[in-house]
Amino acid sequence: MSAFDRDAPPGPGPIRHFDFPPVERRTLSNGLDLRVARMPRLPVASVRLFMRAGEGGLGAARAGLAVLTADSLDGGTKRRGGTELAEALERIGARLDASSGWEGTSADLYCLADRLPEALGLLAESVCEPGFPAEEVDRAREQHLAGLRQRVMDPGALASDVALTRYFAQGVPYARVLDGSVESVTPLGREDLLGYADANFRPGTGGLIVVGDVDGREVATLAEKWLGSWKGTPASKDDFLVTPAATERRVLVVDRPGSVQSEVRVGHVGVECATPDYYALSVANLVLGGVFTSRLNLNLRERNGFTYGIRSGFSFRTRPGPFEISTSVGNEQTAPAVREILAELSLFAEEGPTDEEVAAARDFAAGIFGLQLETSSQIASRVTQLVVFGLPDDYFHGYRDNVRGVTTEAAAEAARRHMRPGQAQIVVVGDAEQIAGPLEALGLGPFDVLSGPPRTSHG
């Protein structure tokens, strides 16, 4: 093959050496788990304060409260308003953001390393003494509601949201949208956010992660100064069990008259982050639908021309999240695409990947690992996972070796255990008049068509 042969893909290059930075671990006097990783390349610091106060601990009636509380955190403190807080951060060149997910709420700080003493004080003030001015809460709530209303109008978001209600049983938080519903968010006001933060923004079972050009002992001293008097454990508990909505394969068409293409979701309840099959399953999923050269993409995009792209993936959480295959196709290709997705999934679950596929997936996963850890913020996100999921301190130091140790047999066995085509829930959003008949003719299982505004949360 010549150097300019465009008919054959280039071979993989050697995997470059990469060392995850050492992480120092301490426990503050209030029980907060402190993790510090020194990265002296640039004079910056990334800080993440994680509190175990997330949407997983809320019932459907209060869904979205944790997200709205985090979104409103930059609106001001008990000492200063939102503008004053923004100006204080700007004066030292710092950035403060907050977000909430299923596992908890994180307040993220980014600043120059020599400004960390002042910046950490502002972070502590924002989390320990939030003010939630009414006008800022109202603004954040209206933006939140606008996003929820937009989701119903967006066919891709609609398909994903409806699919959750088909994967997870009623009452399981994962069956609803992370941001809640219009019904649950509309009545929320300042007092709700103040009450939630007071009860749940607590250090117990949380962590403070600092990555950058910093000294671990100096960080510990600063953390004690600003956060040492902060006490307590979050009141909300996410002690729910994950159960599927059904264990038989079913098909649901959500009618969207006039649509010229369909949004397709195929999936079921997946597996938790702590599964012993994590590495093997991650490699197996890359082969099935996790990279451009995956089986699903080569079938539906390259061979059949049904779609521009298709992906599969597991959402690894403290409890089993969804396993899902997603794509969009034209009306005429909807039924053939669903047929091919189920055929590929069934074949893969039965026979597993080949040696060549596993080798390529291992090399990709090991090779891209270092590229995803180029900044202090990316490192901080990974270290946070140690706290959130209770992973061993050396987890990421051995990550690439564990990935490269996955065998073809292990990947195949993981696929057999955790990819279940016979239990797959199929949700298609599109023009029912055009797509329902061909889909029902596939005979995949009980078939329903949903007309009118869908209910996307068990509220």
Protein backbone atom coordinates (compact mmCIF):
# COMPACT_ATOMS: atom_id res chain seq x y z
CA MET A 1 0.00 0.00 0.00
CA SER A 2 1.42 3.39 -0.99
CA ALA A 3 1.54 6.35 1.35
CA PHE A 4 -1.27 7.97 -0.67
CA ASP A 5 -3.64 5.00 -0.93
CA ARG A 6 -7.06 6.40 0.03
CA ASP A 7 -8.85 3.06 -0.31
CA ALA A 8 -7.57 1.65 2.99
CA PRO A 9 -7.82 3.28 6.43
CA PRO A 10 -4.54 4.08 8.16
CA GLY A 11 -3.38 1.67 10.82
CA PRO A 12 -3.35 2.65 14.47
CA GLY A 13 -0.23 4.31 15.83
CA PRO A 14 1.47 3.34 19.07
CA ILE A 15 -0.37 4.23 22.27
CA ARG A 16 1.38 7.11 23.96
CA HIS A 17 2.44 6.91 27.55
CA PHE A 18 0.14 8.64 30.02
CA ASP A 19 0.17 8.79 33.80
CA PHE A 20 -2.85 9.93 35.75
CA PRO A 21 -1.60 12.49 38.27
CA PRO A 22 -1.19 11.29 41.88
CA VAL A 23 -4.15 12.18 44.08
CA GLU A 24 -3.60 13.13 47.72
CA ARG A 25 -6.48 12.24 50.01
CA ARG A 26 -7.42 13.84 53.32
CA THR A 27 -10.54 14.15 55.44
CA LEU A 28 -11.50 17.54 56.81
CA SER A 29 -12.67 17.97 60.40
CA ASN A 30 -16.30 18.07 59.21
CA GLY A 31 -15.93 14.76 57.37
CA LEU A 32 -15.61 16.24 53.86
CA ASP A 33 -13.48 14.06 51.60
CA LEU A 34 -10.64 16.19 50.19
CA ARG A 35 -8.82 15.06 47.03
CA VAL A 36 -5.94 17.11 45.61
CA ALA A 37 -4.09 16.40 42.35
CA ARG A 38 -1.10 18.57 41.50
CA MET A 39 -0.68 19.61 37.85
CA PRO A 40 2.07 22.24 37.69
CA ARG A 41 2.03 22.75 33.91
CA LEU A 42 -0.18 25.85 34.13
CA PRO A 43 -0.76 28.24 37.07
CA VAL A 44 -4.47 27.43 37.35
CA ALA A 45 -6.75 25.53 39.70
CA SER A 46 -10.01 23.67 39.08
CA VAL A 47 -12.20 23.05 42.12
CA ARG A 48 -15.30 20.91 42.40
CA LEU A 49 -17.37 20.78 45.57
CA PHE A 50 -19.64 17.75 45.36
CA MET A 51 -22.67 17.34 47.63
CA ARG A 52 -24.77 14.21 47.60
CA ALA A 53 -27.96 16.15 46.94
CA GLY A 54 -29.34 15.21 43.54
CA GLU A 55 -32.52 14.47 41.66
CA GLY A 56 -32.36 10.81 42.65
CA GLY A 57 -33.45 11.76 46.17
CA LEU A 58 -36.59 13.61 45.05
CA GLY A 59 -40.07 12.31 44.38
CA ALA A 60 -41.94 13.14 41.18
CA ALA A 61 -43.89 15.96 42.84
CA ARG A 62 -40.64 17.86 43.53
CA ALA A 63 -38.72 16.75 40.44
CA GLY A 64 -36.44 19.45 39.09
CA LEU A 65 -35.90 21.12 42.48
CA ALA A 66 -32.24 20.05 42.78
CA VAL A 67 -31.50 21.22 39.22
CA LEU A 68 -33.27 24.56 39.71
CA THR A 69 -31.49 25.11 43.04
CA ALA A 70 -28.10 24.57 41.43
CA ASP A 71 -28.98 26.78 38.46
CA SER A 72 -29.94 29.59 40.86
CA LEU A 73 -26.85 29.34 43.04
CA ASP A 74 -25.03 32.17 41.26
CA GLY A 75 -27.93 34.57 41.90
CA GLY A 76 -26.45 35.86 45.14
CA THR A 77 -25.66 35.05 48.76
CA LYS A 78 -26.91 36.28 52.12
CA ARG A 79 -24.04 38.78 52.08
CA ARG A 80 -24.17 40.06 48.51
CA GLY A 81 -26.50 40.11 45.52
CA GLY A 82 -25.93 38.39 42.22
CA THR A 83 -24.22 41.39 40.63
CA GLU A 84 -21.92 41.82 43.63
CA LEU A 85 -21.03 38.13 43.57
CA ALA A 86 -20.27 38.27 39.85
CA GLU A 87 -18.10 41.35 40.33
CA ALA A 88 -16.20 39.73 43.21
CA LEU A 89 -15.43 36.71 41.04
CA GLU A 90 -14.53 38.87 38.06
CA ARG A 91 -12.05 40.93 40.10
CA ILE A 92 -9.95 37.83 40.73
CA GLY A 93 -10.54 36.27 37.31
CA ALA A 94 -12.56 33.35 38.70
CA ARG A 95 -15.54 31.47 37.26
CA LEU A 96 -18.21 29.77 39.34
CA ASP A 97 -20.84 27.37 38.01
CA ALA A 98 -23.16 24.83 39.58
CA SER A 99 -25.14 21.90 38.26
CA SER A 100 -27.14 18.99 39.61
CA GLY A 101 -27.62 15.45 38.34
CA TRP A 102 -28.97 12.15 39.58
CA GLU A 103 -26.10 11.55 42.02
CA GLY A 104 -25.69 15.00 43.52
CA THR A 105 -24.94 18.69 43.07
CA SER A 106 -21.56 20.13 42.11
CA ALA A 107 -20.29 23.69 42.46
CA ASP A 108 -17.34 24.24 40.11
CA LEU A 109 -14.71 26.93 40.49
CA TYR A 110 -11.93 27.83 38.05
CA CYS A 111 -9.26 30.40 38.84
CA LEU A 112 -5.55 31.20 38.79
CA ALA A 113 -3.76 29.16 41.42
CA ASP A 114 -2.57 32.22 43.34
CA ARG A 115 -6.18 33.41 43.62
CA LEU A 116 -7.41 30.19 45.18
CA PRO A 117 -7.55 31.57 48.75
CA GLU A 118 -10.03 34.30 47.75
CA ALA A 119 -11.89 32.18 45.22
CA LEU A 120 -12.44 29.30 47.65
CA GLY A 121 -13.95 31.78 50.10
CA LEU A 122 -16.47 32.89 47.47
CA LEU A 123 -17.29 29.27 46.67
CA ALA A 124 -17.90 28.54 50.35
CA GLU A 125 -20.08 31.64 50.70
CA SER A 126 -22.19 30.66 47.68
CA VAL A 127 -22.80 27.10 48.90
CA CYS A 128 -23.05 27.63 52.66
CA GLU A 129 -24.91 30.95 52.59
CA PRO A 130 -27.01 31.06 49.41
CA GLY A 131 -29.45 33.96 49.21
CA PHE A 132 -31.64 32.94 46.26
CA PRO A 133 -33.07 36.42 45.56
CA ALA A 134 -36.68 36.04 44.43
CA GLU A 135 -36.15 37.81 41.10
CA GLU A 136 -33.18 35.57 40.25
CA VAL A 137 -35.14 32.44 41.17
CA ASP A 138 -38.06 33.58 39.01
CA ARG A 139 -35.71 34.18 36.07
CA ALA A 140 -34.05 30.78 36.45
CA ARG A 141 -37.42 29.03 36.82
CA GLU A 142 -38.79 30.63 33.63
CA GLN A 143 -35.70 29.57 31.70
CA HIS A 144 -36.07 26.08 33.16
CA LEU A 145 -39.74 25.88 32.15
CA ALA A 146 -38.96 27.14 28.65
CA GLY A 147 -36.48 24.31 28.26
CA LEU A 148 -39.03 21.74 29.42
CA ARG A 149 -41.64 23.03 26.98
CA GLN A 150 -39.10 22.97 24.18
CA ARG A 151 -38.32 19.32 24.87
CA VAL A 152 -41.88 18.31 24.01
CA MET A 153 -41.55 20.11 20.66
CA ASP A 154 -38.17 18.58 19.81
CA PRO A 155 -38.67 15.08 18.32
CA GLY A 156 -35.29 13.80 19.49
CA ALA A 157 -35.79 14.92 23.08
CA LEU A 158 -39.37 13.67 23.00
CA ALA A 159 -38.28 10.21 21.88
CA SER A 160 -35.63 10.00 24.59
CA ASP A 161 -38.05 11.19 27.29
CA VAL A 162 -40.84 8.82 26.34
CA ALA A 163 -38.39 5.93 26.10
CA LEU A 164 -37.44 6.41 29.76
CA THR A 165 -41.03 5.72 30.79
CA ARG A 166 -40.88 2.46 28.81
CA TYR A 167 -37.58 1.33 30.32
CA PHE A 168 -38.20 2.08 34.01
CA ALA A 169 -41.18 1.25 36.19
CA GLN A 170 -43.46 3.92 37.58
CA GLY A 171 -41.94 5.52 40.67
CA VAL A 172 -38.32 4.96 39.64
CA PRO A 173 -36.72 8.43 39.35
CA TYR A 174 -34.87 7.42 36.18
CA ALA A 175 -38.22 7.07 34.43
CA ARG A 176 -38.54 10.85 34.31
CA VAL A 177 -36.59 13.69 32.79
CA LEU A 178 -33.73 14.91 35.00
CA ASP A 179 -35.05 18.49 34.88
CA GLY A 180 -38.48 17.49 36.17
CA SER A 181 -41.79 18.44 34.56
CA VAL A 182 -43.72 21.64 33.94
CA GLU A 183 -46.14 20.55 36.67
CA SER A 184 -43.43 19.96 39.27
CA VAL A 185 -41.29 23.03 38.50
CA THR A 186 -44.00 25.69 38.05
CA PRO A 187 -44.88 26.07 41.77
CA LEU A 188 -41.24 26.23 42.95
CA GLY A 189 -40.14 29.50 44.52
CA ARG A 190 -37.46 31.05 46.69
CA GLU A 191 -38.59 29.34 49.89
CA ASP A 192 -38.45 25.92 48.25
CA LEU A 193 -34.86 26.51 47.12
CA LEU A 194 -33.80 27.88 50.50
CA GLY A 195 -35.33 24.88 52.27
CA TYR A 196 -33.73 22.39 49.91
CA ALA A 197 -30.28 23.97 50.15
CA ASP A 198 -30.44 24.25 53.94
CA ALA A 199 -31.39 20.57 54.29
CA ASN A 200 -29.13 19.13 51.62
CA PHE A 201 -26.15 21.38 50.91
CA ARG A 202 -24.11 19.62 53.58
CA PRO A 203 -20.59 18.11 53.58
CA GLY A 204 -21.44 14.60 54.78
CA THR A 205 -20.64 11.93 52.12
CA GLY A 206 -19.50 14.71 49.78
CA GLY A 207 -16.11 15.71 48.47
CA LEU A 208 -13.88 18.67 47.63
CA ILE A 209 -11.70 18.08 44.60
CA VAL A 210 -8.87 20.49 43.73
CA VAL A 211 -6.67 20.01 40.66
CA GLY A 212 -3.93 22.32 39.44
CA ASP A 213 -0.72 24.05 40.41
CA VAL A 214 -1.43 23.71 44.12
CA ASP A 215 0.07 22.19 47.26
CA GLY A 216 -2.05 19.60 49.05
CA ARG A 217 -1.25 20.80 52.55
CA GLU A 218 -1.96 24.42 51.69
CA VAL A 219 -5.27 23.42 50.10
CA ALA A 220 -6.22 21.48 53.24
CA THR A 221 -5.50 24.55 55.38
CA LEU A 222 -7.62 26.75 53.11
CA ALA A 223 -10.43 24.20 53.06
CA GLU A 224 -10.51 24.05 56.85
CA LYS A 225 -10.58 27.85 57.01
CA TRP A 226 -13.51 28.29 54.67
CA LEU A 227 -15.45 25.01 55.07
CA GLY A 228 -14.41 23.57 58.44
CA SER A 229 -17.42 24.98 60.30
CA TRP A 230 -19.83 23.63 57.67
CA LYS A 231 -21.57 20.61 59.21
CA GLY A 232 -24.20 17.96 58.59
CA THR A 233 -25.33 15.32 56.13
CA PRO A 234 -27.84 15.77 53.28
CA ALA A 235 -31.39 15.01 54.39
CA SER A 236 -32.59 13.49 51.11
CA LYS A 237 -31.82 9.84 50.42
CA ASP A 238 -31.84 8.18 47.02
CA ASP A 239 -32.54 4.69 48.31
CA PHE A 240 -34.83 3.59 45.48
CA LEU A 241 -34.68 0.28 43.65
CA VAL A 242 -34.48 0.15 39.87
CA THR A 243 -37.09 -2.08 38.25
CA PRO A 244 -38.05 -2.32 34.58
CA ALA A 245 -41.42 -1.18 33.28
CA ALA A 246 -41.70 -4.45 31.34
CA THR A 247 -39.65 -7.54 30.61
CA GLU A 248 -41.24 -8.27 27.24
CA ARG A 249 -40.34 -6.49 24.04
CA ARG A 250 -42.85 -3.77 23.12
CA VAL A 251 -43.22 -1.13 20.42
CA LEU A 252 -44.64 2.37 20.90
CA VAL A 253 -45.17 4.91 18.12
CA VAL A 254 -45.62 8.51 19.26
CA ASP A 255 -47.58 10.20 16.51
CA ARG A 256 -46.11 13.42 15.15
CA PRO A 257 -48.20 14.18 12.05
CA GLY A 258 -46.28 15.65 9.14
CA SER A 259 -42.85 14.44 10.24
CA VAL A 260 -40.65 13.43 7.33
CA GLN A 261 -38.33 11.40 9.52
CA SER A 262 -38.53 9.30 12.67
CA GLU A 263 -36.60 9.37 15.91
CA VAL A 264 -35.85 5.81 17.02
CA ARG A 265 -34.90 4.63 20.50
CA VAL A 266 -34.29 1.00 21.39
CA GLY A 267 -33.22 0.04 24.89
CA HIS A 268 -33.84 -1.35 28.35
CA VAL A 269 -32.58 -1.08 31.93
CA GLY A 270 -28.81 -1.34 31.92
CA VAL A 271 -26.28 -1.90 34.69
CA GLU A 272 -24.68 0.09 37.52
CA CYS A 273 -21.20 1.61 37.47
CA ALA A 274 -19.93 -0.87 40.07
CA THR A 275 -20.58 -3.91 37.86
CA PRO A 276 -17.58 -6.26 37.58
CA ASP A 277 -18.31 -6.26 33.83
CA TYR A 278 -17.64 -2.52 33.45
CA TYR A 279 -14.51 -2.75 31.31
CA ALA A 280 -15.67 -5.71 29.24
CA LEU A 281 -19.08 -4.14 28.66
CA SER A 282 -17.55 -0.80 27.71
CA VAL A 283 -15.38 -2.49 25.09
CA ALA A 284 -18.32 -4.54 23.82
CA ASN A 285 -20.47 -1.45 23.45
CA LEU A 286 -17.76 0.30 21.42
CA VAL A 287 -17.95 -2.58 18.96
CA LEU A 288 -21.74 -2.53 18.80
CA GLY A 289 -22.42 1.18 18.55
CA GLY A 290 -19.90 3.32 20.42
CA VAL A 291 -17.62 4.46 17.59
CA PHE A 292 -17.98 5.42 13.93
CA THR A 293 -16.77 1.98 12.77
CA SER A 294 -19.26 0.14 14.98
CA ARG A 295 -21.47 -2.64 13.68
CA LEU A 296 -24.62 -0.54 13.91
CA ASN A 297 -23.09 2.39 12.05
CA LEU A 298 -21.54 0.22 9.34
CA ASN A 299 -24.92 -1.45 8.80
CA LEU A 300 -27.39 1.42 8.96
CA ARG A 301 -25.19 4.20 7.58
CA GLU A 302 -22.61 2.61 5.31
CA ARG A 303 -24.36 -0.45 3.89
CA ASN A 304 -27.99 0.67 3.88
CA GLY A 305 -27.80 4.45 3.89
CA PHE A 306 -30.66 4.71 6.41
CA THR A 307 -29.09 7.37 8.65
CA TYR A 308 -26.21 9.80 9.10
CA GLY A 309 -25.29 8.07 12.32
CA ILE A 310 -26.40 5.71 15.08
CA ARG A 311 -25.05 5.22 18.60
CA SER A 312 -25.46 2.86 21.51
CA GLY A 313 -24.44 3.37 25.11
CA PHE A 314 -24.84 2.52 28.78
CA SER A 315 -25.47 5.25 31.35
CA PHE A 316 -23.40 3.98 34.26
CA ARG A 317 -24.75 5.37 37.56
CA THR A 318 -24.80 4.24 41.19
CA ARG A 319 -27.88 2.27 40.16
CA PRO A 320 -28.63 0.73 36.77
CA GLY A 321 -29.23 3.46 34.22
CA PRO A 322 -30.52 2.93 30.68
CA PHE A 323 -28.90 1.06 27.83
CA GLU A 324 -30.04 2.74 24.63
CA ILE A 325 -29.56 2.73 20.86
CA SER A 326 -30.57 5.98 19.16
CA THR A 327 -30.84 7.26 15.61
CA SER A 328 -33.06 9.19 13.22
CA VAL A 329 -34.19 7.93 9.81
CA GLY A 330 -36.58 8.86 7.00
CA ASN A 331 -40.17 7.61 7.02
CA GLU A 332 -39.58 4.94 4.40
CA GLN A 333 -36.52 3.64 6.23
CA THR A 334 -38.11 3.51 9.70
CA ALA A 335 -39.29 -0.10 9.73
CA PRO A 336 -36.21 -1.45 7.90
CA ALA A 337 -33.95 0.46 10.30
CA VAL A 338 -35.69 -0.95 13.39
CA ARG A 339 -35.47 -4.43 11.87
CA GLU A 340 -31.72 -4.05 11.30
CA ILE A 341 -31.12 -2.62 14.78
CA LEU A 342 -32.82 -5.62 16.40
CA ALA A 343 -30.98 -8.02 14.09
CA GLU A 344 -27.58 -6.54 14.95
CA LEU A 345 -28.37 -6.44 18.66
CA SER A 346 -29.59 -10.03 18.67
CA LEU A 347 -26.58 -11.32 16.73
CA PHE A 348 -24.18 -9.43 18.96
CA ALA A 349 -25.80 -10.62 22.19
CA GLU A 350 -25.72 -14.20 20.91
CA GLU A 351 -22.26 -14.40 19.30
CA GLY A 352 -20.34 -11.42 20.68
CA PRO A 353 -17.54 -9.53 18.92
CA THR A 354 -14.59 -10.88 16.96
CA ASP A 355 -10.97 -10.79 18.09
CA GLU A 356 -10.23 -8.04 15.57
CA GLU A 357 -13.15 -5.91 16.77
CA VAL A 358 -12.14 -6.23 20.40
CA ALA A 359 -8.52 -5.38 19.65
CA ALA A 360 -9.55 -2.23 17.76
CA ALA A 361 -11.99 -1.18 20.51
CA ARG A 362 -9.37 -1.74 23.23
CA ASP A 363 -6.81 0.35 21.36
CA PHE A 364 -9.34 3.14 20.80
CA ALA A 365 -10.45 3.25 24.45
CA ALA A 366 -6.88 3.16 25.77
CA GLY A 367 -5.64 5.68 23.22
CA ILE A 368 -8.37 8.25 23.74
CA PHE A 369 -8.13 8.09 27.54
CA GLY A 370 -5.24 10.53 27.78
CA LEU A 371 -6.79 12.90 25.23
CA GLN A 372 -9.81 13.26 27.51
CA LEU A 373 -7.60 14.37 30.40
CA GLU A 374 -5.73 17.33 28.97
CA THR A 375 -7.07 20.02 31.31
CA SER A 376 -7.33 20.43 35.07
CA SER A 377 -11.14 20.53 34.75
CA GLN A 378 -11.18 17.16 32.98
CA ILE A 379 -8.97 15.66 35.67
CA ALA A 380 -11.24 17.12 38.37
CA SER A 381 -14.27 15.47 36.74
CA ARG A 382 -12.54 12.09 36.83
CA VAL A 383 -11.41 12.47 40.44
CA THR A 384 -14.98 13.40 41.35
CA GLN A 385 -16.06 9.98 40.07
CA LEU A 386 -13.87 8.40 42.75
CA VAL A 387 -15.99 10.15 45.37
CA VAL A 388 -19.38 9.74 43.70
CA PHE A 389 -19.06 6.03 42.91
CA GLY A 390 -16.77 4.98 45.75
CA LEU A 391 -14.04 3.83 43.35
CA PRO A 392 -10.56 2.78 44.55
CA ASP A 393 -8.00 5.57 44.87
CA ASP A 394 -5.86 4.05 42.10
CA TYR A 395 -8.79 3.41 39.76
CA PHE A 396 -7.67 5.72 36.94
CA HIS A 397 -3.99 4.83 37.35
CA GLY A 398 -4.83 1.32 36.16
CA TYR A 399 -7.64 2.26 33.78
CA ARG A 400 -5.78 1.72 30.51
CA ASP A 401 -4.26 -1.54 31.65
CA ASN A 402 -7.71 -2.82 32.66
CA VAL A 403 -9.18 -1.80 29.31
CA ARG A 404 -6.37 -3.45 27.39
CA GLY A 405 -6.81 -6.58 29.48
CA VAL A 406 -10.35 -7.21 28.17
CA THR A 407 -10.51 -10.47 26.21
CA THR A 408 -12.88 -11.35 23.42
CA GLU A 409 -14.50 -13.96 25.65
CA ALA A 410 -15.06 -11.43 28.45
CA ALA A 411 -16.61 -8.89 26.07
CA ALA A 412 -18.89 -11.54 24.58
CA GLU A 413 -20.01 -12.77 28.00
CA ALA A 414 -20.71 -9.21 29.16
CA ALA A 415 -22.80 -8.60 26.05
CA ARG A 416 -24.78 -11.80 26.65
CA ARG A 417 -25.51 -10.80 30.24
CA HIS A 418 -26.38 -7.15 29.76
CA MET A 419 -27.73 -6.70 26.22
CA ARG A 420 -31.21 -8.21 26.07
CA PRO A 421 -32.91 -7.86 22.68
CA GLY A 422 -35.89 -9.90 23.88
CA GLN A 423 -36.64 -7.23 26.50
CA ALA A 424 -35.90 -4.19 24.33
CA GLN A 425 -38.39 -1.35 24.39
CA ILE A 426 -38.80 0.31 20.99
CA VAL A 427 -40.01 3.91 20.84
CA VAL A 428 -40.45 5.74 17.54
CA VAL A 429 -41.54 9.37 17.23
CA GLY A 430 -42.85 10.13 13.75
CA ASP A 431 -45.84 10.31 11.45
CA ALA A 432 -47.92 7.31 12.50
CA GLU A 433 -49.86 7.31 9.25
CA GLN A 434 -46.61 6.68 7.38
CA ILE A 435 -44.70 4.41 9.77
CA ALA A 436 -47.11 2.52 12.05
CA GLY A 437 -48.22 -0.11 9.53
CA PRO A 438 -44.74 -1.25 8.44
CA LEU A 439 -43.53 -1.25 12.05
CA GLU A 440 -46.44 -3.36 13.29
CA ALA A 441 -45.86 -5.76 10.42
CA LEU A 442 -42.42 -6.58 11.83
CA GLY A 443 -44.18 -8.50 14.62
CA LEU A 444 -41.73 -7.44 17.30
CA GLY A 445 -44.21 -7.51 20.19
CA PRO A 446 -47.20 -5.66 21.64
CA PHE A 447 -47.77 -2.53 19.54
CA ASP A 448 -49.29 0.82 20.51
CA VAL A 449 -49.71 4.23 18.93
CA LEU A 450 -49.82 7.30 21.18
CA SER A 451 -51.67 10.33 19.86
CA GLY A 452 -51.79 13.76 21.49
CA PRO A 453 -49.40 15.30 24.03
CA PRO A 454 -47.36 12.51 25.61
CA ARG A 455 -46.85 12.08 29.33
CA THR A 456 -43.07 11.88 29.79
CA SER A 457 -42.86 11.61 33.57
CA HIS A 458 -44.57 9.53 36.22
CA GLY A 459 -45.77 12.56 38.12
